[in-house]
Amino acid sequence: MTKGPKRLALSLYLTREPVTLAVLTGAAIVFFLFVTGLSRLYQAQQESLADRWSARGVDDLNAQRFRVAIVDFRTALLYDRDNAAYQLSLAEALLGLKRTDEAYAYLINLWERQPENGVVNLELARIAVQKKQGDRALRFYHNAIYATWPDFQGRRKARLELIDYLLRTNARTQAESELIALEANVGEDAAQQTQLGNLFLRVQDYSRALAAFRESLKLDPKNEAANAGAGVAAFETAQYPAAERYLAKAISLVPGDAASAALLKTTDFVLKMDPFRPQLSDAVRNQIVVNAFTTADDRLKACPLLGGTGELSSTKPVAGVSNATAQDLAQQWERLKPQITERGLRRDPDLVNAAMNLSFQIERRASGSCGSGSEADKALLLIANLHAEN
């Protein structure tokens, strides 16, 4: 009789135990899901708040309300402490208020985590420039150029800033190298080609500047800046007919362009006073030579260090030239003067070279001793340089 109840009790126990275990397991699962749901809900709320404060911060940053933006991004970081984008934005707001050291702390921490981040490297380069840390500035600029960007414009912006920095620090050779690298990535964009041309002008690479301006003008022939820049580049490469065309076009587009007008005036003098231009008649050439010879005489008389007012000697030495040399120029001019007439040049065409060579010598000596002189004097110097190898 005793075995029956025991067996019944054991049977009931074995039947209830799995049920109880199943109930407890189910309850645990429900509880876990509930806690997970609450956690996710909390996390979603945190992210939502962070995004909301960050969006406010972006608006304030774009409006240059830097103090408010700092509060916005710091609040966003309370809800998403490790968010790199918020930290970067906060650093940019701090930089807006010139709180460089605080911004640097955030930026260098971000750089250690994301050394390939283009924006971070660019901001660190700017800070290095402010602190006059040249080597660090160059390193971070180059990092920024070859870093990760969402598009090419960020890389282009970094290189342009580097070029500007190199130009401001008189590192012209390095700036030119960066410009050549930039040139390879400038496509069919008139504004960018014009900008490239102007930068090549600053490093005095006039051939590349002219090529860039011409590319710009293919895309936008009425671009005044490109015409003016092309005029300067053509002038500096002694392509005076081309310079005249570009400068005249620039002035027609913007009549108040005083710089182009002044350069066009000099260009016109060069073209009118150059007797070696092709397709000139003998009569026109001879008249040009007579006028040039007269201009050199005026220059000789006006420069005290070359004898002044027609005198053949000077009490002051000419820089790099003895008084005898200065006297010799005046004496040569006096000997040649009777022959340099239109009639004399018709009789002896070889006098053209003799007259022009002496005029060039006088202008070069006077320029070194007495300054640039008149527009005609400047033109003769340019013509002398143009035909120096002839």
Protein backbone atom coordinates (compact mmCIF):
# COMPACT_ATOMS: atom_id res chain seq x y z
CA MET A 1 0.00 0.00 0.00
CA THR A 2 2.84 2.47 0.69
CA LYS A 3 4.38 2.10 -2.73
CA GLY A 4 1.25 3.31 -4.49
CA PRO A 5 1.14 6.87 -3.04
CA LYS A 6 4.91 7.27 -3.50
CA ARG A 7 4.68 6.33 -7.12
CA LEU A 8 1.76 8.68 -7.60
CA ALA A 9 3.64 11.55 -5.95
CA LEU A 10 6.70 10.88 -8.11
CA SER A 11 4.56 10.78 -11.20
CA LEU A 12 2.92 14.11 -10.33
CA TYR A 13 6.32 15.68 -9.62
CA LEU A 14 7.77 14.51 -12.93
CA THR A 15 4.71 15.82 -14.72
CA ARG A 16 4.74 19.26 -13.05
CA GLU A 17 8.52 19.89 -13.22
CA PRO A 18 8.76 20.35 -17.01
CA VAL A 19 5.71 22.55 -16.93
CA THR A 20 7.19 24.72 -14.22
CA LEU A 21 10.53 24.85 -16.02
CA ALA A 22 8.79 25.80 -19.25
CA VAL A 23 6.80 28.51 -17.50
CA LEU A 24 9.90 29.93 -15.86
CA THR A 25 11.83 29.82 -19.13
CA GLY A 26 9.01 31.53 -20.93
CA ALA A 27 8.81 34.18 -18.23
CA ALA A 28 12.57 34.73 -18.48
CA ILE A 29 12.34 35.11 -22.25
CA VAL A 30 9.46 37.55 -21.97
CA PHE A 31 11.34 39.52 -19.34
CA PHE A 32 14.50 39.55 -21.51
CA LEU A 33 12.55 40.75 -24.53
CA PHE A 34 10.88 43.38 -22.42
CA VAL A 35 14.20 44.65 -21.06
CA THR A 36 15.73 44.54 -24.55
CA GLY A 37 12.81 46.47 -25.90
CA LEU A 38 13.12 49.06 -23.17
CA SER A 39 16.85 49.30 -23.83
CA ARG A 40 16.30 49.76 -27.54
CA LEU A 41 13.59 52.31 -26.89
CA TYR A 42 15.93 54.19 -24.56
CA GLN A 43 18.74 54.00 -27.11
CA ALA A 44 16.44 55.22 -29.86
CA GLN A 45 15.35 58.12 -27.68
CA GLN A 46 18.99 58.97 -26.96
CA GLU A 47 19.86 58.86 -30.65
CA SER A 48 16.83 60.95 -31.51
CA LEU A 49 17.79 63.58 -28.96
CA ALA A 50 21.39 63.52 -30.16
CA ASP A 51 20.30 63.95 -33.77
CA ARG A 52 17.95 66.76 -32.83
CA TRP A 53 20.65 68.70 -30.98
CA SER A 54 23.15 68.00 -33.71
CA ALA A 55 20.76 69.35 -36.37
CA ARG A 56 20.37 72.52 -34.32
CA GLY A 57 24.13 72.73 -34.03
CA VAL A 58 24.60 72.43 -37.80
CA ASP A 59 22.13 75.25 -38.38
CA ASP A 60 23.87 77.45 -35.81
CA LEU A 61 27.30 76.58 -37.17
CA ASN A 62 26.25 77.46 -40.72
CA ALA A 63 24.84 80.75 -39.43
CA GLN A 64 28.14 81.36 -37.55
CA ARG A 65 26.36 81.37 -34.18
CA PHE A 66 29.36 79.61 -32.72
CA ARG A 67 28.57 79.98 -29.01
CA VAL A 68 25.13 78.46 -29.46
CA ALA A 69 26.54 75.75 -31.72
CA ILE A 70 29.03 74.74 -29.03
CA VAL A 71 26.16 74.21 -26.56
CA ASP A 72 24.21 72.29 -29.20
CA PHE A 73 27.01 69.85 -30.01
CA ARG A 74 28.03 69.35 -26.39
CA THR A 75 24.43 68.47 -25.60
CA ALA A 76 24.35 66.07 -28.54
CA LEU A 77 27.49 64.41 -27.18
CA LEU A 78 25.76 63.83 -23.84
CA TYR A 79 23.43 61.47 -25.70
CA ASP A 80 26.03 60.02 -28.08
CA ARG A 81 29.41 60.47 -26.43
CA ASP A 82 31.61 58.78 -29.04
CA ASN A 83 30.04 60.27 -32.17
CA ALA A 84 32.98 61.46 -34.31
CA ALA A 85 30.82 63.73 -36.48
CA TYR A 86 29.55 65.62 -33.42
CA GLN A 87 33.07 65.98 -32.05
CA LEU A 88 34.31 67.35 -35.37
CA SER A 89 31.46 69.83 -35.57
CA LEU A 90 32.14 70.93 -32.00
CA ALA A 91 35.80 71.47 -32.91
CA GLU A 92 34.76 73.61 -35.88
CA ALA A 93 32.50 75.71 -33.65
CA LEU A 94 35.36 76.18 -31.18
CA LEU A 95 37.61 77.28 -34.02
CA GLY A 96 34.96 79.80 -35.00
CA LEU A 97 35.48 81.44 -31.60
CA LYS A 98 39.29 81.17 -31.91
CA ARG A 99 39.37 78.65 -29.06
CA THR A 100 42.12 76.83 -30.88
CA ASP A 101 43.57 74.76 -28.05
CA GLU A 102 40.19 73.27 -27.14
CA ALA A 103 39.47 72.51 -30.79
CA TYR A 104 42.90 70.95 -31.21
CA ALA A 105 42.25 68.53 -28.33
CA TYR A 106 39.14 67.18 -30.08
CA LEU A 107 40.81 67.14 -33.51
CA ILE A 108 43.98 65.32 -32.50
CA ASN A 109 41.86 62.71 -30.70
CA LEU A 110 39.81 62.27 -33.87
CA TRP A 111 42.98 62.08 -35.98
CA GLU A 112 44.32 59.27 -33.81
CA ARG A 113 41.07 57.37 -34.39
CA GLN A 114 40.64 58.36 -38.06
CA PRO A 115 44.01 59.41 -39.56
CA GLU A 116 42.51 59.16 -43.04
CA ASN A 117 39.78 61.75 -42.35
CA GLY A 118 40.26 64.61 -44.80
CA VAL A 119 38.37 67.27 -42.82
CA VAL A 120 40.27 66.51 -39.62
CA ASN A 121 43.62 66.74 -41.39
CA LEU A 122 42.64 70.00 -43.06
CA GLU A 123 41.59 71.59 -39.76
CA LEU A 124 44.83 70.45 -38.12
CA ALA A 125 46.77 71.97 -41.02
CA ARG A 126 44.98 75.30 -40.49
CA ILE A 127 45.83 75.24 -36.79
CA ALA A 128 49.48 74.51 -37.61
CA VAL A 129 49.48 77.51 -39.98
CA GLN A 130 48.09 79.75 -37.24
CA LYS A 131 50.81 78.55 -34.86
CA LYS A 132 53.49 79.03 -37.57
CA GLN A 133 54.38 75.33 -37.45
CA GLY A 134 55.44 75.03 -41.07
CA ASP A 135 56.47 71.37 -41.18
CA ARG A 136 53.30 70.22 -39.38
CA ALA A 137 51.17 72.38 -41.65
CA LEU A 138 52.69 70.81 -44.77
CA ARG A 139 52.31 67.31 -43.35
CA PHE A 140 48.65 67.74 -42.47
CA TYR A 141 47.89 69.49 -45.77
CA HIS A 142 49.38 66.59 -47.70
CA ASN A 143 47.49 64.16 -45.46
CA ALA A 144 44.29 66.05 -46.29
CA ILE A 145 44.98 65.99 -50.02
CA TYR A 146 45.42 62.22 -50.08
CA ALA A 147 42.84 61.46 -47.39
CA THR A 148 39.30 60.14 -47.72
CA TRP A 149 36.73 62.63 -49.05
CA PRO A 150 33.15 62.09 -50.17
CA ASP A 151 34.02 63.78 -53.50
CA PHE A 152 36.96 65.38 -55.30
CA GLN A 153 36.04 68.91 -54.23
CA GLY A 154 37.35 68.36 -50.70
CA ARG A 155 40.71 67.21 -52.04
CA ARG A 156 40.79 70.17 -54.43
CA LYS A 157 39.99 72.59 -51.62
CA ALA A 158 42.83 71.19 -49.50
CA ARG A 159 45.32 71.54 -52.36
CA LEU A 160 44.21 75.10 -53.10
CA GLU A 161 44.68 76.05 -49.44
CA LEU A 162 48.14 74.48 -49.51
CA ILE A 163 49.05 76.43 -52.65
CA ASP A 164 47.88 79.68 -51.08
CA TYR A 165 49.92 78.92 -47.95
CA LEU A 166 53.03 78.17 -50.01
CA LEU A 167 52.63 81.40 -51.95
CA ARG A 168 52.21 83.41 -48.74
CA THR A 169 55.41 81.88 -47.39
CA ASN A 170 57.29 82.53 -50.67
CA ALA A 171 57.72 78.82 -51.40
CA ARG A 172 57.07 79.44 -55.09
CA THR A 173 58.73 76.30 -56.44
CA GLN A 174 56.67 74.05 -54.16
CA ALA A 175 53.53 75.99 -55.02
CA GLU A 176 54.20 75.49 -58.72
CA SER A 177 54.59 71.74 -58.20
CA GLU A 178 51.23 71.60 -56.43
CA LEU A 179 49.66 73.65 -59.21
CA ILE A 180 50.91 71.24 -61.84
CA ALA A 181 49.34 68.41 -59.86
CA LEU A 182 46.10 70.40 -59.63
CA GLU A 183 46.20 71.15 -63.36
CA ALA A 184 45.87 67.45 -64.17
CA ASN A 185 42.51 67.31 -62.37
CA VAL A 186 40.86 70.45 -63.73
CA GLY A 187 38.37 69.53 -66.39
CA GLU A 188 35.92 71.47 -68.51
CA ASP A 189 35.09 74.13 -65.97
CA ALA A 190 35.69 77.74 -67.02
CA ALA A 191 35.81 79.12 -63.48
CA GLN A 192 38.31 76.51 -62.31
CA GLN A 193 40.49 77.03 -65.39
CA THR A 194 40.48 80.78 -64.75
CA GLN A 195 41.41 80.23 -61.11
CA LEU A 196 44.21 77.91 -62.21
CA GLY A 197 45.48 80.50 -64.66
CA ASN A 198 45.54 83.22 -62.01
CA LEU A 199 47.49 80.95 -59.66
CA PHE A 200 50.03 80.20 -62.39
CA LEU A 201 50.40 83.97 -62.84
CA ARG A 202 51.27 84.25 -59.15
CA VAL A 203 54.10 81.72 -59.51
CA GLN A 204 55.16 83.45 -62.77
CA ASP A 205 54.60 80.34 -64.88
CA TYR A 206 53.14 82.38 -67.71
CA SER A 207 53.04 79.65 -70.35
CA ARG A 208 50.88 77.37 -68.21
CA ALA A 209 48.79 80.36 -67.14
CA LEU A 210 48.07 81.21 -70.77
CA ALA A 211 47.14 77.59 -71.52
CA ALA A 212 44.66 77.56 -68.61
CA PHE A 213 43.08 80.86 -69.64
CA ARG A 214 42.71 79.64 -73.21
CA GLU A 215 40.93 76.52 -71.96
CA SER A 216 38.61 78.74 -69.95
CA LEU A 217 37.88 80.93 -72.96
CA LYS A 218 36.99 77.90 -75.08
CA LEU A 219 34.21 77.25 -72.58
CA ASP A 220 33.29 80.88 -71.90
CA PRO A 221 34.61 83.35 -74.50
CA LYS A 222 33.08 86.32 -72.69
CA ASN A 223 34.81 85.63 -69.39
CA GLU A 224 36.40 88.99 -68.59
CA ALA A 225 38.76 87.60 -65.95
CA ALA A 226 40.03 84.93 -68.34
CA ASN A 227 40.56 87.48 -71.12
CA ALA A 228 42.40 89.82 -68.78
CA GLY A 229 44.52 86.99 -67.39
CA ALA A 230 45.29 85.70 -70.88
CA GLY A 231 46.36 89.22 -71.83
CA VAL A 232 48.81 89.36 -68.93
CA ALA A 233 50.18 85.88 -69.66
CA ALA A 234 50.57 86.60 -73.38
CA PHE A 235 52.28 89.91 -72.58
CA GLU A 236 54.74 88.25 -70.20
CA THR A 237 55.59 85.60 -72.82
CA ALA A 238 56.17 88.37 -75.40
CA GLN A 239 53.18 87.31 -77.51
CA TYR A 240 52.14 90.91 -78.03
CA PRO A 241 49.58 90.51 -80.87
CA ALA A 242 47.75 87.91 -78.76
CA ALA A 243 48.04 90.11 -75.68
CA GLU A 244 46.48 92.99 -77.60
CA ARG A 245 43.49 90.86 -78.63
CA TYR A 246 42.84 89.49 -75.13
CA LEU A 247 43.26 92.83 -73.37
CA ALA A 248 41.04 94.65 -75.85
CA LYS A 249 38.36 92.00 -75.35
CA ALA A 250 38.65 92.31 -71.54
CA ILE A 251 38.18 96.08 -71.73
CA SER A 252 35.21 95.74 -74.07
CA LEU A 253 33.58 93.46 -71.49
CA VAL A 254 34.50 95.65 -68.50
CA PRO A 255 35.37 99.18 -69.63
CA GLY A 256 36.53 100.13 -66.14
CA ASP A 257 39.33 97.55 -66.08
CA ALA A 258 42.19 99.99 -65.45
CA ALA A 259 44.90 97.33 -65.15
CA SER A 260 44.05 95.83 -68.55
CA ALA A 261 43.84 99.32 -70.08
CA ALA A 262 47.32 100.22 -68.81
CA LEU A 263 48.83 96.97 -70.08
CA LEU A 264 47.07 97.37 -73.43
CA LYS A 265 48.62 100.83 -73.79
CA THR A 266 52.10 99.38 -73.27
CA THR A 267 51.31 96.54 -75.66
CA ASP A 268 50.23 99.01 -78.35
CA PHE A 269 53.50 100.93 -77.91
CA VAL A 270 55.48 97.72 -78.37
CA LEU A 271 53.62 96.79 -81.56
CA LYS A 272 53.88 100.29 -83.01
CA MET A 273 57.58 100.72 -82.14
CA ASP A 274 58.91 97.34 -83.26
CA PRO A 275 60.58 97.76 -86.67
CA PHE A 276 61.26 94.03 -86.93
CA ARG A 277 57.63 93.00 -87.22
CA PRO A 278 56.92 91.04 -90.38
CA GLN A 279 55.08 92.51 -93.35
CA LEU A 280 56.10 96.11 -92.69
CA SER A 281 56.85 98.28 -95.67
CA ASP A 282 60.31 99.85 -95.87
CA ALA A 283 58.82 103.31 -95.43
CA VAL A 284 56.94 102.35 -92.25
CA ARG A 285 59.96 100.51 -90.86
CA ASN A 286 62.26 103.47 -91.50
CA GLN A 287 59.86 105.88 -89.79
CA ILE A 288 59.67 103.57 -86.75
CA VAL A 289 63.49 103.48 -86.53
CA VAL A 290 63.75 107.26 -86.69
CA ASN A 291 61.15 107.59 -83.90
CA ALA A 292 62.92 104.99 -81.76
CA PHE A 293 66.27 106.74 -82.25
CA THR A 294 64.68 110.04 -81.17
CA THR A 295 63.15 108.36 -78.10
CA ALA A 296 66.59 107.02 -77.12
CA ASP A 297 68.04 110.53 -77.50
CA ASP A 298 65.37 111.96 -75.18
CA ARG A 299 66.13 109.21 -72.70
CA LEU A 300 69.85 109.90 -72.87
CA LYS A 301 69.32 113.59 -72.18
CA ALA A 302 66.80 113.01 -69.40
CA CYS A 303 69.00 110.60 -67.43
CA PRO A 304 71.57 112.52 -65.38
CA LEU A 305 73.69 109.45 -64.83
CA LEU A 306 74.16 109.10 -68.57
CA GLY A 307 75.21 112.68 -69.07
CA GLY A 308 71.89 114.43 -68.48
CA THR A 309 70.70 117.47 -70.54
CA GLY A 310 72.93 116.57 -73.43
CA GLU A 311 76.21 116.58 -71.51
CA LEU A 312 78.70 113.86 -72.38
CA SER A 313 80.03 113.27 -68.88
CA SER A 314 78.76 112.68 -65.36
CA THR A 315 80.08 113.30 -61.91
CA LYS A 316 78.23 110.22 -60.62
CA PRO A 317 79.14 106.66 -61.61
CA VAL A 318 76.57 104.57 -63.46
CA ALA A 319 75.71 101.34 -61.64
CA GLY A 320 77.77 98.60 -63.25
CA VAL A 321 79.03 100.93 -66.04
CA SER A 322 82.00 103.28 -66.08
CA ASN A 323 81.62 106.96 -67.01
CA ALA A 324 83.58 106.21 -70.18
CA THR A 325 80.90 103.75 -71.24
CA ALA A 326 78.18 106.30 -70.60
CA GLN A 327 80.12 108.87 -72.61
CA ASP A 328 80.62 106.36 -75.37
CA LEU A 329 76.90 105.86 -75.76
CA ALA A 330 76.35 109.59 -76.19
CA GLN A 331 79.26 109.86 -78.62
CA GLN A 332 77.98 106.95 -80.69
CA TRP A 333 74.57 108.56 -80.85
CA GLU A 334 76.09 111.87 -82.02
CA ARG A 335 78.09 110.12 -84.77
CA LEU A 336 75.09 108.12 -85.97
CA LYS A 337 72.52 110.90 -85.72
CA PRO A 338 73.09 112.51 -89.17
CA GLN A 339 72.52 109.19 -90.91
CA ILE A 340 69.33 108.14 -89.10
CA THR A 341 66.79 109.76 -91.33
CA GLU A 342 64.22 108.19 -93.60
CA ARG A 343 66.39 109.09 -96.58
CA GLY A 344 69.55 107.75 -94.95
CA LEU A 345 67.87 104.47 -94.05
CA ARG A 346 66.61 104.05 -97.63
CA ARG A 347 70.16 104.44 -98.88
CA ASP A 348 71.68 102.07 -96.32
CA PRO A 349 69.22 99.51 -94.84
CA ASP A 350 71.99 98.16 -92.58
CA LEU A 351 71.64 101.32 -90.52
CA VAL A 352 68.34 99.94 -89.19
CA ASN A 353 70.14 97.39 -87.02
CA ALA A 354 72.83 99.88 -85.99
CA ALA A 355 70.28 102.49 -84.91
CA MET A 356 68.09 100.02 -83.04
CA ASN A 357 71.02 98.32 -81.28
CA LEU A 358 72.29 101.66 -80.01
CA SER A 359 68.77 102.66 -78.94
CA PHE A 360 68.46 99.38 -77.04
CA GLN A 361 71.81 99.93 -75.28
CA ILE A 362 70.83 103.43 -74.21
CA GLU A 363 67.47 102.26 -72.88
CA ARG A 364 69.03 99.38 -70.93
CA ARG A 365 71.66 101.64 -69.33
CA ALA A 366 69.13 104.32 -68.51
CA SER A 367 66.68 101.82 -67.05
CA GLY A 368 69.31 100.56 -64.62
CA SER A 369 70.33 104.08 -63.64
CA CYS A 370 67.23 106.26 -63.87
CA GLY A 371 64.18 104.02 -63.68
CA SER A 372 61.65 102.84 -66.22
CA GLY A 373 61.04 106.09 -68.15
CA SER A 374 58.13 106.78 -70.48
CA GLU A 375 55.81 104.30 -72.15
CA ALA A 376 57.94 104.54 -75.26
CA ASP A 377 61.06 103.79 -73.22
CA LYS A 378 59.39 100.74 -71.65
CA ALA A 379 58.33 99.56 -75.10
CA LEU A 380 61.88 99.82 -76.46
CA LEU A 381 63.17 97.72 -73.56
CA LEU A 382 60.56 95.06 -74.25
CA ILE A 383 61.39 95.08 -77.94
CA ALA A 384 65.10 94.76 -77.06
CA ASN A 385 64.33 91.68 -74.95
CA LEU A 386 62.08 90.26 -77.65
CA HIS A 387 64.85 90.39 -80.26
CA ALA A 388 67.78 89.76 -77.96
CA GLU A 389 68.62 86.45 -79.65
CA ASN A 390 68.24 87.80 -83.17
